[in-house]
C-alpha cells in the first residue's frame, strides 16, 4: 500500500473528524484491513484525524496492533 486518501470535509466547520466511509482499492486487502492498518499507524497519536480513525476502528471492534518500522 502506497497511498491513503482522506477527505477532511467537516473537520474545520464542525470541529471534529469522524470516519464515515472507507474502501480498499486493493484486491488483497479488504475494507477492514485498510482500517486496521490506518488505526495501527495512528495508535498513540492525539491528532484529530488519528482520533477519528481510532474511534471508527474501536467502533468496528478491530484489533489495533502496534506499528513498527514506519518512516
PDB file of N, CA and C in Angstrom:
ATOM      1  N   UNK A   1       0.854  -1.167   0.000  1.00  0.00           N
ATOM      2  CA  UNK A   1       0.000   0.000   0.000  1.00  0.00           C
ATOM      3  C   UNK A   1       0.898   1.228   0.000  1.00  0.00           C
ATOM      4  N   UNK A   2       0.652   2.129  -0.937  1.00  0.00           N
ATOM      5  CA  UNK A   2       1.467   3.331  -1.047  1.00  0.00           C
ATOM      6  C   UNK A   2       0.704   4.597  -0.712  1.00  0.00           C
ATOM      7  N   UNK A   3      -0.607   4.604  -0.883  1.00  0.00           N
ATOM      8  CA  UNK A   3      -1.360   5.838  -0.737  1.00  0.00           C
ATOM      9  C   UNK A   3      -2.597   5.655   0.139  1.00  0.00           C
ATOM     10  N   UNK A   4      -2.912   6.700   0.880  1.00  0.00           N
ATOM     11  CA  UNK A   4      -4.158   6.785   1.629  1.00  0.00           C
ATOM     12  C   UNK A   4      -4.755   8.141   1.310  1.00  0.00           C
ATOM     13  N   UNK A   5      -6.007   8.158   0.903  1.00  0.00           N
ATOM     14  CA  UNK A   5      -6.697   9.410   0.598  1.00  0.00           C
ATOM     15  C   UNK A   5      -7.674   9.714   1.715  1.00  0.00           C
ATOM     16  N   UNK A   6      -7.645  10.949   2.200  1.00  0.00           N
ATOM     17  CA  UNK A   6      -8.541  11.361   3.279  1.00  0.00           C
ATOM     18  C   UNK A   6      -9.222  12.666   2.876  1.00  0.00           C
ATOM     19  N   UNK A   7     -10.537  12.658   2.912  1.00  0.00           N
ATOM     20  CA  UNK A   7     -11.315  13.865   2.672  1.00  0.00           C
ATOM     21  C   UNK A   7     -11.696  14.418   4.040  1.00  0.00           C
ATOM     22  N   UNK A   8     -11.227  15.621   4.367  1.00  0.00           N
ATOM     23  CA  UNK A   8     -11.442  16.193   5.701  1.00  0.00           C
ATOM     24  C   UNK A   8     -12.672  17.089   5.770  1.00  0.00           C
ATOM     25  N   UNK A   9     -13.634  16.907   4.888  1.00  0.00           N
ATOM     26  CA  UNK A   9     -14.831  17.736   4.893  1.00  0.00           C
ATOM     27  C   UNK A   9     -15.489  17.708   6.267  1.00  0.00           C
ATOM     28  N   UNK A  10     -15.757  18.869   6.808  1.00  0.00           N
ATOM     29  CA  UNK A  10     -16.410  18.985   8.114  1.00  0.00           C
ATOM     30  C   UNK A  10     -15.443  19.140   9.268  1.00  0.00           C
ATOM     31  N   UNK A  11     -14.179  18.851   9.047  1.00  0.00           N
ATOM     32  CA  UNK A  11     -13.210  18.933  10.139  1.00  0.00           C
ATOM     33  C   UNK A  11     -13.120  20.349  10.686  1.00  0.00           C
ATOM     34  N   UNK A  12     -13.026  21.329   9.818  1.00  0.00           N
ATOM     35  CA  UNK A  12     -12.911  22.716  10.269  1.00  0.00           C
ATOM     36  C   UNK A  12     -14.255  23.305  10.668  1.00  0.00           C
ATOM     37  N   UNK A  13     -15.296  23.015   9.904  1.00  0.00           N
ATOM     38  CA  UNK A  13     -16.596  23.619  10.194  1.00  0.00           C
ATOM     39  C   UNK A  13     -17.266  23.011  11.414  1.00  0.00           C
ATOM     40  N   UNK A  14     -17.068  21.721  11.654  1.00  0.00           N
ATOM     41  CA  UNK A  14     -17.708  21.059  12.782  1.00  0.00           C
ATOM     42  C   UNK A  14     -16.776  20.893  13.980  1.00  0.00           C
ATOM     43  N   UNK A  15     -15.483  21.049  13.754  1.00  0.00           N
ATOM     44  CA  UNK A  15     -14.532  20.959  14.852  1.00  0.00           C
ATOM     45  C   UNK A  15     -14.093  19.559  15.222  1.00  0.00           C
ATOM     46  N   UNK A  16     -14.555  18.567  14.482  1.00  0.00           N
ATOM     47  CA  UNK A  16     -14.100  17.206  14.757  1.00  0.00           C
ATOM     48  C   UNK A  16     -14.068  16.399  13.463  1.00  0.00           C
ATOM     49  N   UNK A  17     -13.367  15.303  13.507  1.00  0.00           N
ATOM     50  CA  UNK A  17     -13.230  14.437  12.357  1.00  0.00           C
ATOM     51  C   UNK A  17     -13.793  13.077  12.705  1.00  0.00           C
ATOM     52  N   UNK A  18     -14.585  12.521  11.812  1.00  0.00           N
ATOM     53  CA  UNK A  18     -15.050  11.157  12.009  1.00  0.00           C
ATOM     54  C   UNK A  18     -15.035  10.449  10.665  1.00  0.00           C
ATOM     55  N   UNK A  19     -14.757   9.186  10.720  1.00  0.00           N
ATOM     56  CA  UNK A  19     -14.711   8.373   9.515  1.00  0.00           C
ATOM     57  C   UNK A  19     -16.143   7.990   9.163  1.00  0.00           C
ATOM     58  N   UNK A  20     -16.561   8.335   7.960  1.00  0.00           N
ATOM     59  CA  UNK A  20     -17.905   7.973   7.518  1.00  0.00           C
ATOM     60  C   UNK A  20     -17.890   6.880   6.465  1.00  0.00           C
ATOM     61  N   UNK A  21     -16.744   6.729   5.786  1.00  0.00           N
ATOM     62  CA  UNK A  21     -16.640   5.714   4.741  1.00  0.00           C
ATOM     63  C   UNK A  21     -15.176   5.380   4.520  1.00  0.00           C
ATOM     64  N   UNK A  22     -14.882   4.146   4.267  1.00  0.00           N
ATOM     65  CA  UNK A  22     -13.530   3.720   3.928  1.00  0.00           C
ATOM     66  C   UNK A  22     -13.630   2.529   2.989  1.00  0.00           C
ATOM     67  N   UNK A  23     -12.786   2.530   1.969  1.00  0.00           N
ATOM     68  CA  UNK A  23     -12.827   1.483   0.961  1.00  0.00           C
ATOM     69  C   UNK A  23     -11.424   1.096   0.530  1.00  0.00           C
ATOM     70  N   UNK A  24     -11.212  -0.185   0.373  1.00  0.00           N
ATOM     71  CA  UNK A  24      -9.946  -0.684  -0.152  1.00  0.00           C
ATOM     72  C   UNK A  24     -10.022  -0.735  -1.669  1.00  0.00           C
ATOM     73  N   UNK A  25      -8.959  -0.328  -2.311  1.00  0.00           N
ATOM     74  CA  UNK A  25      -8.865  -0.417  -3.763  1.00  0.00           C
ATOM     75  C   UNK A  25      -7.887  -1.517  -4.174  1.00  0.00           C
ATOM     76  N   UNK A  26      -7.451  -2.294  -3.194  1.00  0.00           N
ATOM     77  CA  UNK A  26      -6.507  -3.389  -3.431  1.00  0.00           C
ATOM     78  C   UNK A  26      -7.244  -4.720  -3.345  1.00  0.00           C
ATOM     79  N   UNK A  27      -6.983  -5.603  -4.283  1.00  0.00           N
ATOM     80  CA  UNK A  27      -7.636  -6.911  -4.278  1.00  0.00           C
ATOM     81  C   UNK A  27      -7.261  -7.744  -3.063  1.00  0.00           C
ATOM     82  N   UNK A  28      -6.028  -7.600  -2.582  1.00  0.00           N
ATOM     83  CA  UNK A  28      -5.559  -8.441  -1.479  1.00  0.00           C
ATOM     84  C   UNK A  28      -5.805  -7.821  -0.103  1.00  0.00           C
ATOM     85  N   UNK A  29      -6.463  -6.670  -0.025  1.00  0.00           N
ATOM     86  CA  UNK A  29      -6.803  -6.037   1.251  1.00  0.00           C
ATOM     87  C   UNK A  29      -8.285  -5.677   1.247  1.00  0.00           C
ATOM     88  N   UNK A  30      -9.023  -6.143   2.274  1.00  0.00           N
ATOM     89  CA  UNK A  30     -10.430  -5.755   2.337  1.00  0.00           C
ATOM     90  C   UNK A  30     -10.565  -4.433   3.099  1.00  0.00           C
ATOM     91  N   UNK A  31     -11.772  -3.929   3.187  1.00  0.00           N
ATOM     92  CA  UNK A  31     -12.001  -2.627   3.825  1.00  0.00           C
ATOM     93  C   UNK A  31     -11.518  -2.613   5.276  1.00  0.00           C
ATOM     94  N   UNK A  32     -11.796  -3.689   6.022  1.00  0.00           N
ATOM     95  CA  UNK A  32     -11.383  -3.743   7.424  1.00  0.00           C
ATOM     96  C   UNK A  32      -9.860  -3.800   7.559  1.00  0.00           C
ATOM     97  N   UNK A  33      -9.182  -4.429   6.599  1.00  0.00           N
ATOM     98  CA  UNK A  33      -7.709  -4.431   6.609  1.00  0.00           C
ATOM     99  C   UNK A  33      -7.179  -3.005   6.522  1.00  0.00           C
ATOM    100  N   UNK A  34      -7.795  -2.208   5.658  1.00  0.00           N
ATOM    101  CA  UNK A  34      -7.364  -0.813   5.479  1.00  0.00           C
ATOM    102  C   UNK A  34      -7.569  -0.031   6.774  1.00  0.00           C
ATOM    103  N   UNK A  35      -8.714  -0.222   7.414  1.00  0.00           N
ATOM    104  CA  UNK A  35      -8.980   0.476   8.674  1.00  0.00           C
ATOM    105  C   UNK A  35      -8.009   0.011   9.763  1.00  0.00           C
ATOM    106  N   UNK A  36      -7.730  -1.276   9.818  1.00  0.00           N
ATOM    107  CA  UNK A  36      -6.800  -1.812  10.812  1.00  0.00           C
ATOM    108  C   UNK A  36      -5.402  -1.246  10.618  1.00  0.00           C
ATOM    109  N   UNK A  37      -4.926  -1.203   9.392  1.00  0.00           N
ATOM    110  CA  UNK A  37      -3.596  -0.652   9.095  1.00  0.00           C
ATOM    111  C   UNK A  37      -3.544   0.824   9.470  1.00  0.00           C
ATOM    112  N   UNK A  38      -4.568   1.566   9.076  1.00  0.00           N
ATOM    113  CA  UNK A  38      -4.606   3.003   9.368  1.00  0.00           C
ATOM    114  C   UNK A  38      -4.624   3.254  10.876  1.00  0.00           C
ATOM    115  N   UNK A  39      -5.457   2.509  11.593  1.00  0.00           N
ATOM    116  CA  UNK A  39      -5.552   2.690  13.043  1.00  0.00           C
ATOM    117  C   UNK A  39      -4.252   2.284  13.736  1.00  0.00           C
ATOM    118  N   UNK A  40      -3.631   1.230  13.269  1.00  0.00           N
ATOM    119  CA  UNK A  40      -2.372   0.789  13.869  1.00  0.00           C
ATOM    120  C   UNK A  40      -1.285   1.835  13.687  1.00  0.00           C
ATOM    121  N   UNK A  41      -1.271   2.493  12.533  1.00  0.00           N
ATOM    122  CA  UNK A  41      -0.296   3.556  12.292  1.00  0.00           C
ATOM    123  C   UNK A  41      -0.565   4.782  13.159  1.00  0.00           C
ATOM    124  N   UNK A  42      -1.826   5.029  13.484  1.00  0.00           N
ATOM    125  CA  UNK A  42      -2.209   6.210  14.259  1.00  0.00           C
ATOM    126  C   UNK A  42      -2.264   5.959  15.763  1.00  0.00           C
ATOM    127  N   UNK A  43      -2.088   4.711  16.174  1.00  0.00           N
ATOM    128  CA  UNK A  43      -2.182   4.364  17.600  1.00  0.00           C
ATOM    129  C   UNK A  43      -1.241   5.246  18.424  1.00  0.00           C
ATOM    130  N   UNK A  44      -1.765   5.864  19.452  1.00  0.00           N
ATOM    131  CA  UNK A  44      -0.966   6.718  20.323  1.00  0.00           C
ATOM    132  C   UNK A  44      -0.942   8.175  19.908  1.00  0.00           C
ATOM    133  N   UNK A  45      -1.468   8.487  18.744  1.00  0.00           N
ATOM    134  CA  UNK A  45      -1.484   9.876  18.278  1.00  0.00           C
ATOM    135  C   UNK A  45      -2.689  10.612  18.857  1.00  0.00           C
ATOM    136  N   UNK A  46      -2.525  11.903  19.086  1.00  0.00           N
ATOM    137  CA  UNK A  46      -3.634  12.734  19.560  1.00  0.00           C
ATOM    138  C   UNK A  46      -4.122  13.689  18.472  1.00  0.00           C
ATOM    139  N   UNK A  47      -3.650  13.525  17.255  1.00  0.00           N
ATOM    140  CA  UNK A  47      -4.080  14.368  16.137  1.00  0.00           C
ATOM    141  C   UNK A  47      -5.560  14.100  15.865  1.00  0.00           C
ATOM    142  N   UNK A  48      -6.339  15.134  15.540  1.00  0.00           N
ATOM    143  CA  UNK A  48      -7.777  14.946  15.304  1.00  0.00           C
ATOM    144  C   UNK A  48      -8.110  13.880  14.254  1.00  0.00           C
ATOM    145  N   UNK A  49      -7.330  13.788  13.183  1.00  0.00           N
ATOM    146  CA  UNK A  49      -7.590  12.750  12.182  1.00  0.00           C
ATOM    147  C   UNK A  49      -7.333  11.366  12.757  1.00  0.00           C
ATOM    148  N   UNK A  50      -6.276  11.235  13.542  1.00  0.00           N
ATOM    149  CA  UNK A  50      -5.953   9.956  14.172  1.00  0.00           C
ATOM    150  C   UNK A  50      -7.060   9.533  15.138  1.00  0.00           C
ATOM    151  N   UNK A  51      -7.560  10.473  15.908  1.00  0.00           N
ATOM    152  CA  UNK A  51      -8.629  10.173  16.866  1.00  0.00           C
ATOM    153  C   UNK A  51      -9.866   9.649  16.138  1.00  0.00           C
ATOM    154  N   UNK A  52     -10.204  10.235  15.004  1.00  0.00           N
ATOM    155  CA  UNK A  52     -11.349   9.778  14.216  1.00  0.00           C
ATOM    156  C   UNK A  52     -11.149   8.378  13.662  1.00  0.00           C
ATOM    157  N   UNK A  53      -9.951   8.098  13.171  1.00  0.00           N
ATOM    158  CA  UNK A  53      -9.645   6.766  12.634  1.00  0.00           C
ATOM    159  C   UNK A  53      -9.679   5.734  13.746  1.00  0.00           C
ATOM    160  N   UNK A  54      -9.065   6.036  14.873  1.00  0.00           N
ATOM    161  CA  UNK A  54      -9.054   5.104  16.001  1.00  0.00           C
ATOM    162  C   UNK A  54     -10.464   4.865  16.543  1.00  0.00           C
ATOM    163  N   UNK A  55     -11.270   5.897  16.570  1.00  0.00           N
ATOM    164  CA  UNK A  55     -12.648   5.768  17.046  1.00  0.00           C
ATOM    165  C   UNK A  55     -13.441   4.812  16.159  1.00  0.00           C
ATOM    166  N   UNK A  56     -13.284   4.931  14.850  1.00  0.00           N
ATOM    167  CA  UNK A  56     -14.000   4.049  13.926  1.00  0.00           C
ATOM    168  C   UNK A  56     -13.526   2.612  14.079  1.00  0.00           C
ATOM    169  N   UNK A  57     -12.222   2.413  14.249  1.00  0.00           N
ATOM    170  CA  UNK A  57     -11.695   1.057  14.425  1.00  0.00           C
ATOM    171  C   UNK A  57     -12.248   0.426  15.710  1.00  0.00           C
ATOM    172  N   UNK A  58     -12.316   1.194  16.775  1.00  0.00           N
ATOM    173  CA  UNK A  58     -12.869   0.674  18.034  1.00  0.00           C
ATOM    174  C   UNK A  58     -14.358   0.366  17.882  1.00  0.00           C
ATOM    175  N   UNK A  59     -15.070   1.239  17.184  1.00  0.00           N
ATOM    176  CA  UNK A  59     -16.495   1.025  16.938  1.00  0.00           C
ATOM    177  C   UNK A  59     -16.720  -0.294  16.190  1.00  0.00           C
ATOM    178  N   UNK A  60     -15.841  -0.602  15.246  1.00  0.00           N
ATOM    179  CA  UNK A  60     -15.938  -1.834  14.457  1.00  0.00           C
ATOM    180  C   UNK A  60     -15.276  -3.030  15.147  1.00  0.00           C
ATOM    181  N   UNK A  61     -14.763  -2.806  16.374  1.00  0.00           N
ATOM    182  CA  UNK A  61     -14.102  -3.831  17.165  1.00  0.00           C
ATOM    183  C   UNK A  61     -12.941  -4.472  16.414  1.00  0.00           C
ATOM    184  N   UNK A  62     -12.151  -3.623  15.765  1.00  0.00           N
ATOM    185  CA  UNK A  62     -10.971  -4.063  15.033  1.00  0.00           C
ATOM    186  C   UNK A  62      -9.783  -4.046  15.975  1.00  0.00           C
ATOM    187  N   UNK A  63      -9.000  -5.110  15.960  1.00  0.00           N
ATOM    188  CA  UNK A  63      -7.806  -5.225  16.793  1.00  0.00           C
ATOM    189  C   UNK A  63      -6.737  -4.260  16.268  1.00  0.00           C
ATOM    190  N   UNK A  64      -6.401  -3.271  17.073  1.00  0.00           N
ATOM    191  CA  UNK A  64      -5.391  -2.269  16.690  1.00  0.00           C
ATOM    192  C   UNK A  64      -4.036  -2.764  17.174  1.00  0.00           C
ATOM    193  N   UNK A  65      -3.125  -2.979  16.243  1.00  0.00           N
ATOM    194  CA  UNK A  65      -1.813  -3.504  16.574  1.00  0.00           C
ATOM    195  C   UNK A  65      -0.793  -2.373  16.746  1.00  0.00           C
ATOM    196  N   UNK A  66       0.387  -2.721  17.239  1.00  0.00           N
ATOM    197  CA  UNK A  66       1.494  -1.783  17.333  1.00  0.00           C
ATOM    198  C   UNK A  66       2.237  -1.777  16.006  1.00  0.00           C
ATOM    199  N   UNK A  67       2.391  -0.611  15.411  1.00  0.00           N
ATOM    200  CA  UNK A  67       3.119  -0.495  14.147  1.00  0.00           C
ATOM    201  C   UNK A  67       4.605  -0.418  14.418  1.00  0.00           C
ATOM    202  N   UNK A  68       5.396  -0.965  13.502  1.00  0.00           N
ATOM    203  CA  UNK A  68       6.848  -0.899  13.629  1.00  0.00           C
ATOM    204  C   UNK A  68       7.471  -0.648  12.253  1.00  0.00           C
ATOM    205  N   UNK A  69       8.692  -0.219  12.259  1.00  0.00           N
ATOM    206  CA  UNK A  69       9.427   0.065  11.010  1.00  0.00           C
ATOM    207  C   UNK A  69       8.674   1.046  10.116  1.00  0.00           C
ATOM    208  N   UNK A  70       8.170   2.095  10.701  1.00  0.00           N
ATOM    209  CA  UNK A  70       7.477   3.122   9.915  1.00  0.00           C
ATOM    210  C   UNK A  70       8.386   4.318   9.722  1.00  0.00           C
ATOM    211  N   UNK A  71       8.299   4.928   8.566  1.00  0.00           N
ATOM    212  CA  UNK A  71       9.044   6.156   8.284  1.00  0.00           C
ATOM    213  C   UNK A  71       8.426   6.900   7.151  1.00  0.00           C
TER     214      UNK A  71
END
